[in-house]
Amino acid sequence: LNLLLSKLLMGVLPYYALKQRQQEFGFEGLDIEVKKHQDTCKQAKIYVKGDIEQVTAVKYAVPSKSTAAKIYKVNLDTYMCTCLDYP
């Protein structure tokens, strides 16, 4: 257990701290969250209002563009989505 804690504290955490600092200063490109948001916004443009079915006041059904029979469920009240890209 001591070896595991030592390895974590002396090796792994400093590595990720450095990666975070590099990302903050733009050395690693866009922040991962920002990049994911931009990708999602680009993909969202392929949908039109008619594609989305309102099930309840806060629940929607959205058909997959890649798999014809697949329907994703979106809940605005709980901020949940059944799509694979949703974190």
PDB file of N, CA and C in Angstrom:
ATOM      1  N   LEU A   1       0.831  -1.192   0.000  1.00  0.00           N
ATOM      2  CA  LEU A   1       0.000   0.000   0.000  1.00  0.00           C
ATOM      3  C   LEU A   1       0.878   1.259   0.000  1.00  0.00           C
ATOM      4  N   ASN A   2       1.949   1.230   0.791  1.00  0.00           N
ATOM      5  CA  ASN A   2       2.848   2.388   0.828  1.00  0.00           C
ATOM      6  C   ASN A   2       3.502   2.637  -0.530  1.00  0.00           C
ATOM      7  N   LEU A   3       3.856   1.550  -1.206  1.00  0.00           N
ATOM      8  CA  LEU A   3       4.471   1.687  -2.525  1.00  0.00           C
ATOM      9  C   LEU A   3       3.484   2.306  -3.516  1.00  0.00           C
ATOM     10  N   LEU A   4       2.246   1.869  -3.448  1.00  0.00           N
ATOM     11  CA  LEU A   4       1.213   2.409  -4.329  1.00  0.00           C
ATOM     12  C   LEU A   4       0.989   3.899  -4.079  1.00  0.00           C
ATOM     13  N   LEU A   5       0.873   4.282  -2.823  1.00  0.00           N
ATOM     14  CA  LEU A   5       0.693   5.698  -2.477  1.00  0.00           C
ATOM     15  C   LEU A   5       1.897   6.526  -2.900  1.00  0.00           C
ATOM     16  N   SER A   6       3.084   5.980  -2.685  1.00  0.00           N
ATOM     17  CA  SER A   6       4.304   6.686  -3.069  1.00  0.00           C
ATOM     18  C   SER A   6       4.338   6.913  -4.579  1.00  0.00           C
ATOM     19  N   LYS A   7       4.024   5.881  -5.335  1.00  0.00           N
ATOM     20  CA  LYS A   7       4.026   5.989  -6.796  1.00  0.00           C
ATOM     21  C   LYS A   7       2.997   7.018  -7.267  1.00  0.00           C
ATOM     22  N   LEU A   8       1.829   6.994  -6.634  1.00  0.00           N
ATOM     23  CA  LEU A   8       0.770   7.937  -6.986  1.00  0.00           C
ATOM     24  C   LEU A   8       1.197   9.371  -6.698  1.00  0.00           C
ATOM     25  N   LEU A   9       1.729   9.603  -5.515  1.00  0.00           N
ATOM     26  CA  LEU A   9       2.101  10.958  -5.105  1.00  0.00           C
ATOM     27  C   LEU A   9       3.343  11.476  -5.817  1.00  0.00           C
ATOM     28  N   MET A  10       4.298  10.604  -6.094  1.00  0.00           N
ATOM     29  CA  MET A  10       5.570  11.046  -6.663  1.00  0.00           C
ATOM     30  C   MET A  10       5.609  10.996  -8.195  1.00  0.00           C
ATOM     31  N   GLY A  11       4.754  10.190  -8.797  1.00  0.00           N
ATOM     32  CA  GLY A  11       4.827  10.048 -10.242  1.00  0.00           C
ATOM     33  C   GLY A  11       3.582  10.454 -10.994  1.00  0.00           C
ATOM     34  N   VAL A  12       2.479   9.877 -10.635  1.00  0.00           N
ATOM     35  CA  VAL A  12       1.255  10.059 -11.410  1.00  0.00           C
ATOM     36  C   VAL A  12       0.673  11.458 -11.249  1.00  0.00           C
ATOM     37  N   LEU A  13       0.499  11.916 -10.028  1.00  0.00           N
ATOM     38  CA  LEU A  13      -0.110  13.233  -9.798  1.00  0.00           C
ATOM     39  C   LEU A  13       0.709  14.374 -10.401  1.00  0.00           C
ATOM     40  N   PRO A  14       2.040  14.391 -10.231  1.00  0.00           N
ATOM     41  CA  PRO A  14       2.809  15.460 -10.883  1.00  0.00           C
ATOM     42  C   PRO A  14       2.695  15.432 -12.413  1.00  0.00           C
ATOM     43  N   TYR A  15       2.610  14.237 -12.978  1.00  0.00           N
ATOM     44  CA  TYR A  15       2.458  14.111 -14.430  1.00  0.00           C
ATOM     45  C   TYR A  15       1.177  14.801 -14.889  1.00  0.00           C
ATOM     46  N   TYR A  16       0.062  14.500 -14.219  1.00  0.00           N
ATOM     47  CA  TYR A  16      -1.209  15.102 -14.615  1.00  0.00           C
ATOM     48  C   TYR A  16      -1.276  16.589 -14.268  1.00  0.00           C
ATOM     49  N   ALA A  17      -0.608  17.003 -13.221  1.00  0.00           N
ATOM     50  CA  ALA A  17      -0.559  18.429 -12.891  1.00  0.00           C
ATOM     51  C   ALA A  17       0.164  19.194 -14.005  1.00  0.00           C
ATOM     52  N   LEU A  18       1.257  18.625 -14.510  1.00  0.00           N
ATOM     53  CA  LEU A  18       1.994  19.247 -15.611  1.00  0.00           C
ATOM     54  C   LEU A  18       1.135  19.295 -16.878  1.00  0.00           C
ATOM     55  N   LYS A  19       0.442  18.201 -17.174  1.00  0.00           N
ATOM     56  CA  LYS A  19      -0.434  18.174 -18.347  1.00  0.00           C
ATOM     57  C   LYS A  19      -1.510  19.254 -18.244  1.00  0.00           C
ATOM     58  N   GLN A  20      -2.067  19.431 -17.040  1.00  0.00           N
ATOM     59  CA  GLN A  20      -3.099  20.444 -16.828  1.00  0.00           C
ATOM     60  C   GLN A  20      -2.533  21.843 -17.068  1.00  0.00           C
ATOM     61  N   ARG A  21      -1.341  22.108 -16.548  1.00  0.00           N
ATOM     62  CA  ARG A  21      -0.726  23.427 -16.735  1.00  0.00           C
ATOM     63  C   ARG A  21      -0.424  23.686 -18.213  1.00  0.00           C
ATOM     64  N   GLN A  22       0.060  22.668 -18.913  1.00  0.00           N
ATOM     65  CA  GLN A  22       0.330  22.831 -20.340  1.00  0.00           C
ATOM     66  C   GLN A  22      -0.954  23.152 -21.093  1.00  0.00           C
ATOM     67  N   GLN A  23      -2.020  22.491 -20.712  1.00  0.00           N
ATOM     68  CA  GLN A  23      -3.302  22.727 -21.368  1.00  0.00           C
ATOM     69  C   GLN A  23      -3.823  24.126 -21.056  1.00  0.00           C
ATOM     70  N   GLU A  24      -3.661  24.577 -19.808  1.00  0.00           N
ATOM     71  CA  GLU A  24      -4.112  25.913 -19.424  1.00  0.00           C
ATOM     72  C   GLU A  24      -3.418  26.993 -20.239  1.00  0.00           C
ATOM     73  N   PHE A  25      -2.152  26.766 -20.582  1.00  0.00           N
ATOM     74  CA  PHE A  25      -1.402  27.754 -21.342  1.00  0.00           C
ATOM     75  C   PHE A  25      -1.505  27.542 -22.851  1.00  0.00           C
ATOM     76  N   GLY A  26      -2.277  26.533 -23.276  1.00  0.00           N
ATOM     77  CA  GLY A  26      -2.500  26.310 -24.694  1.00  0.00           C
ATOM     78  C   GLY A  26      -1.443  25.495 -25.401  1.00  0.00           C
ATOM     79  N   PHE A  27      -0.518  24.890 -24.654  1.00  0.00           N
ATOM     80  CA  PHE A  27       0.523  24.092 -25.289  1.00  0.00           C
ATOM     81  C   PHE A  27      -0.019  22.795 -25.875  1.00  0.00           C
ATOM     82  N   GLU A  28      -1.125  22.315 -25.372  1.00  0.00           N
ATOM     83  CA  GLU A  28      -1.698  21.040 -25.806  1.00  0.00           C
ATOM     84  C   GLU A  28      -2.935  21.258 -26.669  1.00  0.00           C
ATOM     85  N   GLY A  29      -3.128  22.427 -27.209  1.00  0.00           N
ATOM     86  CA  GLY A  29      -4.321  22.705 -27.998  1.00  0.00           C
ATOM     87  C   GLY A  29      -5.457  23.153 -27.102  1.00  0.00           C
ATOM     88  N   LEU A  30      -6.677  23.021 -27.609  1.00  0.00           N
ATOM     89  CA  LEU A  30      -7.844  23.462 -26.858  1.00  0.00           C
ATOM     90  C   LEU A  30      -8.062  22.623 -25.613  1.00  0.00           C
ATOM     91  N   ASP A  31      -8.647  23.232 -24.616  1.00  0.00           N
ATOM     92  CA  ASP A  31      -9.086  22.519 -23.430  1.00  0.00           C
ATOM     93  C   ASP A  31     -10.008  21.389 -23.887  1.00  0.00           C
ATOM     94  N   ILE A  32      -9.895  20.226 -23.282  1.00  0.00           N
ATOM     95  CA  ILE A  32     -10.681  19.067 -23.697  1.00  0.00           C
ATOM     96  C   ILE A  32     -12.175  19.368 -23.647  1.00  0.00           C
ATOM     97  N   GLU A  33     -12.622  20.040 -22.604  1.00  0.00           N
ATOM     98  CA  GLU A  33     -14.047  20.364 -22.470  1.00  0.00           C
ATOM     99  C   GLU A  33     -14.496  21.307 -23.586  1.00  0.00           C
ATOM    100  N   VAL A  34     -13.673  22.302 -23.893  1.00  0.00           N
ATOM    101  CA  VAL A  34     -14.007  23.262 -24.951  1.00  0.00           C
ATOM    102  C   VAL A  34     -14.052  22.560 -26.304  1.00  0.00           C
ATOM    103  N   LYS A  35     -13.073  21.698 -26.568  1.00  0.00           N
ATOM    104  CA  LYS A  35     -13.041  20.969 -27.836  1.00  0.00           C
ATOM    105  C   LYS A  35     -14.264  20.070 -27.971  1.00  0.00           C
ATOM    106  N   LYS A  36     -14.616  19.364 -26.917  1.00  0.00           N
ATOM    107  CA  LYS A  36     -15.787  18.481 -26.958  1.00  0.00           C
ATOM    108  C   LYS A  36     -17.059  19.293 -27.215  1.00  0.00           C
ATOM    109  N   HIS A  37     -17.159  20.462 -26.578  1.00  0.00           N
ATOM    110  CA  HIS A  37     -18.318  21.329 -26.781  1.00  0.00           C
ATOM    111  C   HIS A  37     -18.401  21.784 -28.240  1.00  0.00           C
ATOM    112  N   GLN A  38     -17.272  22.173 -28.810  1.00  0.00           N
ATOM    113  CA  GLN A  38     -17.246  22.610 -30.207  1.00  0.00           C
ATOM    114  C   GLN A  38     -17.644  21.476 -31.149  1.00  0.00           C
ATOM    115  N   ASP A  39     -17.128  20.265 -30.878  1.00  0.00           N
ATOM    116  CA  ASP A  39     -17.483  19.109 -31.704  1.00  0.00           C
ATOM    117  C   ASP A  39     -18.979  18.814 -31.622  1.00  0.00           C
ATOM    118  N   THR A  40     -19.536  18.889 -30.420  1.00  0.00           N
ATOM    119  CA  THR A  40     -20.962  18.628 -30.222  1.00  0.00           C
ATOM    120  C   THR A  40     -21.803  19.667 -30.949  1.00  0.00           C
ATOM    121  N   CYS A  41     -21.399  20.923 -30.884  1.00  0.00           N
ATOM    122  CA  CYS A  41     -22.142  21.983 -31.584  1.00  0.00           C
ATOM    123  C   CYS A  41     -22.114  21.771 -33.094  1.00  0.00           C
ATOM    124  N   LYS A  42     -20.977  21.325 -33.637  1.00  0.00           N
ATOM    125  CA  LYS A  42     -20.888  21.044 -35.068  1.00  0.00           C
ATOM    126  C   LYS A  42     -21.819  19.895 -35.450  1.00  0.00           C
ATOM    127  N   GLN A  43     -21.822  18.840 -34.628  1.00  0.00           N
ATOM    128  CA  GLN A  43     -22.671  17.681 -34.921  1.00  0.00           C
ATOM    129  C   GLN A  43     -24.149  18.025 -34.780  1.00  0.00           C
ATOM    130  N   ALA A  44     -24.484  18.919 -33.880  1.00  0.00           N
ATOM    131  CA  ALA A  44     -25.886  19.286 -33.649  1.00  0.00           C
ATOM    132  C   ALA A  44     -26.494  19.986 -34.861  1.00  0.00           C
ATOM    133  N   LYS A  45     -25.668  20.587 -35.697  1.00  0.00           N
ATOM    134  CA  LYS A  45     -26.169  21.320 -36.860  1.00  0.00           C
ATOM    135  C   LYS A  45     -26.796  20.414 -37.915  1.00  0.00           C
ATOM    136  N   ILE A  46     -26.544  19.107 -37.846  1.00  0.00           N
ATOM    137  CA  ILE A  46     -27.142  18.201 -38.830  1.00  0.00           C
ATOM    138  C   ILE A  46     -28.600  17.879 -38.499  1.00  0.00           C
ATOM    139  N   TYR A  47     -29.046  18.254 -37.305  1.00  0.00           N
ATOM    140  CA  TYR A  47     -30.433  18.016 -36.906  1.00  0.00           C
ATOM    141  C   TYR A  47     -31.286  19.240 -37.214  1.00  0.00           C
ATOM    142  N   VAL A  48     -32.522  18.978 -37.606  1.00  0.00           N
ATOM    143  CA  VAL A  48     -33.495  20.050 -37.784  1.00  0.00           C
ATOM    144  C   VAL A  48     -34.592  19.860 -36.746  1.00  0.00           C
ATOM    145  N   LYS A  49     -35.350  20.903 -36.500  1.00  0.00           N
ATOM    146  CA  LYS A  49     -36.378  20.865 -35.463  1.00  0.00           C
ATOM    147  C   LYS A  49     -37.356  19.704 -35.664  1.00  0.00           C
ATOM    148  N   GLY A  50     -37.658  19.391 -36.908  1.00  0.00           N
ATOM    149  CA  GLY A  50     -38.590  18.309 -37.206  1.00  0.00           C
ATOM    150  C   GLY A  50     -38.082  16.926 -36.826  1.00  0.00           C
ATOM    151  N   ASP A  51     -36.751  16.784 -36.663  1.00  0.00           N
ATOM    152  CA  ASP A  51     -36.170  15.496 -36.265  1.00  0.00           C
ATOM    153  C   ASP A  51     -36.456  15.165 -34.804  1.00  0.00           C
ATOM    154  N   ILE A  52     -36.655  16.183 -33.990  1.00  0.00           N
ATOM    155  CA  ILE A  52     -36.751  16.013 -32.539  1.00  0.00           C
ATOM    156  C   ILE A  52     -38.210  15.941 -32.117  1.00  0.00           C
ATOM    157  N   GLU A  53     -38.543  14.877 -31.398  1.00  0.00           N
ATOM    158  CA  GLU A  53     -39.918  14.685 -30.927  1.00  0.00           C
ATOM    159  C   GLU A  53     -39.998  15.011 -29.439  1.00  0.00           C
ATOM    160  N   GLN A  54     -40.893  15.913 -29.084  1.00  0.00           N
ATOM    161  CA  GLN A  54     -41.093  16.256 -27.674  1.00  0.00           C
ATOM    162  C   GLN A  54     -42.023  15.214 -27.059  1.00  0.00           C
ATOM    163  N   VAL A  55     -41.523  14.509 -26.032  1.00  0.00           N
ATOM    164  CA  VAL A  55     -42.289  13.455 -25.374  1.00  0.00           C
ATOM    165  C   VAL A  55     -43.092  14.033 -24.212  1.00  0.00           C
ATOM    166  N   THR A  56     -42.426  14.832 -23.377  1.00  0.00           N
ATOM    167  CA  THR A  56     -43.079  15.571 -22.289  1.00  0.00           C
ATOM    168  C   THR A  56     -42.514  16.983 -22.314  1.00  0.00           C
ATOM    169  N   ALA A  57     -42.832  17.767 -21.307  1.00  0.00           N
ATOM    170  CA  ALA A  57     -42.330  19.145 -21.258  1.00  0.00           C
ATOM    171  C   ALA A  57     -40.806  19.204 -21.196  1.00  0.00           C
ATOM    172  N   VAL A  58     -40.172  18.176 -20.622  1.00  0.00           N
ATOM    173  CA  VAL A  58     -38.714  18.194 -20.462  1.00  0.00           C
ATOM    174  C   VAL A  58     -38.018  16.995 -21.106  1.00  0.00           C
ATOM    175  N   LYS A  59     -38.762  16.103 -21.744  1.00  0.00           N
ATOM    176  CA  LYS A  59     -38.170  14.907 -22.350  1.00  0.00           C
ATOM    177  C   LYS A  59     -38.365  14.920 -23.863  1.00  0.00           C
ATOM    178  N   TYR A  60     -37.304  14.519 -24.561  1.00  0.00           N
ATOM    179  CA  TYR A  60     -37.308  14.525 -26.016  1.00  0.00           C
ATOM    180  C   TYR A  60     -36.749  13.206 -26.547  1.00  0.00           C
ATOM    181  N   ALA A  61     -37.161  12.839 -27.738  1.00  0.00           N
ATOM    182  CA  ALA A  61     -36.633  11.677 -28.444  1.00  0.00           C
ATOM    183  C   ALA A  61     -35.940  12.183 -29.704  1.00  0.00           C
ATOM    184  N   VAL A  62     -34.673  11.811 -29.850  1.00  0.00           N
ATOM    185  CA  VAL A  62     -33.872  12.292 -30.979  1.00  0.00           C
ATOM    186  C   VAL A  62     -33.339  11.081 -31.745  1.00  0.00           C
ATOM    187  N   PRO A  63     -33.674  10.961 -33.028  1.00  0.00           N
ATOM    188  CA  PRO A  63     -33.186   9.807 -33.798  1.00  0.00           C
ATOM    189  C   PRO A  63     -31.694   9.930 -34.099  1.00  0.00           C
ATOM    190  N   SER A  64     -31.024   8.800 -34.084  1.00  0.00           N
ATOM    191  CA  SER A  64     -29.608   8.758 -34.427  1.00  0.00           C
ATOM    192  C   SER A  64     -29.447   9.017 -35.917  1.00  0.00           C
ATOM    193  N   LYS A  65     -28.411   9.732 -36.292  1.00  0.00           N
ATOM    194  CA  LYS A  65     -28.132   9.976 -37.709  1.00  0.00           C
ATOM    195  C   LYS A  65     -27.312   8.834 -38.307  1.00  0.00           C
ATOM    196  N   SER A  66     -26.633   8.052 -37.456  1.00  0.00           N
ATOM    197  CA  SER A  66     -25.792   6.974 -37.969  1.00  0.00           C
ATOM    198  C   SER A  66     -26.481   5.611 -37.946  1.00  0.00           C
ATOM    199  N   THR A  67     -27.433   5.410 -37.031  1.00  0.00           N
ATOM    200  CA  THR A  67     -28.149   4.138 -36.925  1.00  0.00           C
ATOM    201  C   THR A  67     -29.643   4.425 -37.006  1.00  0.00           C
ATOM    202  N   ALA A  68     -30.269   3.994 -38.083  1.00  0.00           N
ATOM    203  CA  ALA A  68     -31.657   4.372 -38.365  1.00  0.00           C
ATOM    204  C   ALA A  68     -32.643   3.996 -37.263  1.00  0.00           C
ATOM    205  N   ALA A  69     -32.486   2.846 -36.634  1.00  0.00           N
ATOM    206  CA  ALA A  69     -33.464   2.380 -35.644  1.00  0.00           C
ATOM    207  C   ALA A  69     -33.198   2.919 -34.236  1.00  0.00           C
ATOM    208  N   LYS A  70     -32.103   3.612 -34.041  1.00  0.00           N
ATOM    209  CA  LYS A  70     -31.714   4.071 -32.700  1.00  0.00           C
ATOM    210  C   LYS A  70     -32.346   5.423 -32.383  1.00  0.00           C
ATOM    211  N   ILE A  71     -32.950   5.510 -31.192  1.00  0.00           N
ATOM    212  CA  ILE A  71     -33.540   6.760 -30.702  1.00  0.00           C
ATOM    213  C   ILE A  71     -32.870   7.105 -29.373  1.00  0.00           C
ATOM    214  N   TYR A  72     -32.380   8.320 -29.254  1.00  0.00           N
ATOM    215  CA  TYR A  72     -31.765   8.771 -28.005  1.00  0.00           C
ATOM    216  C   TYR A  72     -32.780   9.546 -27.188  1.00  0.00           C
ATOM    217  N   LYS A  73     -32.733   9.354 -25.892  1.00  0.00           N
ATOM    218  CA  LYS A  73     -33.651  10.043 -24.986  1.00  0.00           C
ATOM    219  C   LYS A  73     -32.904  11.170 -24.290  1.00  0.00           C
ATOM    220  N   VAL A  74     -33.490  12.355 -24.313  1.00  0.00           N
ATOM    221  CA  VAL A  74     -32.899  13.537 -23.689  1.00  0.00           C
ATOM    222  C   VAL A  74     -33.862  14.041 -22.623  1.00  0.00           C
ATOM    223  N   ASN A  75     -33.329  14.297 -21.427  1.00  0.00           N
ATOM    224  CA  ASN A  75     -34.138  14.827 -20.327  1.00  0.00           C
ATOM    225  C   ASN A  75     -33.505  16.141 -19.881  1.00  0.00           C
ATOM    226  N   LEU A  76     -34.175  17.243 -20.139  1.00  0.00           N
ATOM    227  CA  LEU A  76     -33.635  18.559 -19.784  1.00  0.00           C
ATOM    228  C   LEU A  76     -33.705  18.834 -18.288  1.00  0.00           C
ATOM    229  N   ASP A  77     -34.605  18.149 -17.596  1.00  0.00           N
ATOM    230  CA  ASP A  77     -34.758  18.345 -16.158  1.00  0.00           C
ATOM    231  C   ASP A  77     -33.569  17.773 -15.384  1.00  0.00           C
ATOM    232  N   THR A  78     -33.094  16.604 -15.815  1.00  0.00           N
ATOM    233  CA  THR A  78     -31.978  15.941 -15.124  1.00  0.00           C
ATOM    234  C   THR A  78     -30.660  16.064 -15.885  1.00  0.00           C
ATOM    235  N   TYR A  79     -30.670  16.779 -17.009  1.00  0.00           N
ATOM    236  CA  TYR A  79     -29.476  16.952 -17.854  1.00  0.00           C
ATOM    237  C   TYR A  79     -28.889  15.603 -18.266  1.00  0.00           C
ATOM    238  N   MET A  80     -29.733  14.695 -18.708  1.00  0.00           N
ATOM    239  CA  MET A  80     -29.294  13.360 -19.104  1.00  0.00           C
ATOM    240  C   MET A  80     -29.592  13.122 -20.585  1.00  0.00           C
ATOM    241  N   CYS A  81     -28.738  12.322 -21.208  1.00  0.00           N
ATOM    242  CA  CYS A  81     -28.928  11.908 -22.591  1.00  0.00           C
ATOM    243  C   CYS A  81     -28.382  10.490 -22.717  1.00  0.00           C
ATOM    244  N   THR A  82     -29.038   9.657 -23.510  1.00  0.00           N
ATOM    245  CA  THR A  82     -28.584   8.278 -23.666  1.00  0.00           C
ATOM    246  C   THR A  82     -27.588   8.107 -24.808  1.00  0.00           C
ATOM    247  N   CYS A  83     -27.189   9.192 -25.460  1.00  0.00           N
ATOM    248  CA  CYS A  83     -26.228   9.083 -26.555  1.00  0.00           C
ATOM    249  C   CYS A  83     -24.828   8.787 -26.018  1.00  0.00           C
ATOM    250  N   LEU A  84     -24.004   8.191 -26.871  1.00  0.00           N
ATOM    251  CA  LEU A  84     -22.659   7.788 -26.453  1.00  0.00           C
ATOM    252  C   LEU A  84     -21.743   8.978 -26.183  1.00  0.00           C
ATOM    253  N   ASP A  85     -21.962  10.086 -26.852  1.00  0.00           N
ATOM    254  CA  ASP A  85     -21.097  11.255 -26.682  1.00  0.00           C
ATOM    255  C   ASP A  85     -21.382  12.046 -25.421  1.00  0.00           C
ATOM    256  N   TYR A  86     -22.492  11.749 -24.768  1.00  0.00           N
ATOM    257  CA  TYR A  86     -22.834  12.523 -23.572  1.00  0.00           C
ATOM    258  C   TYR A  86     -21.989  12.037 -22.401  1.00  0.00           C
ATOM    259  N   PRO A  87     -21.341  12.966 -21.698  1.00  0.00           N
ATOM    260  CA  PRO A  87     -20.440  12.556 -20.604  1.00  0.00           C
ATOM    261  C   PRO A  87     -21.130  11.926 -19.419  1.00  0.00           C
TER     262      PRO A  87
END
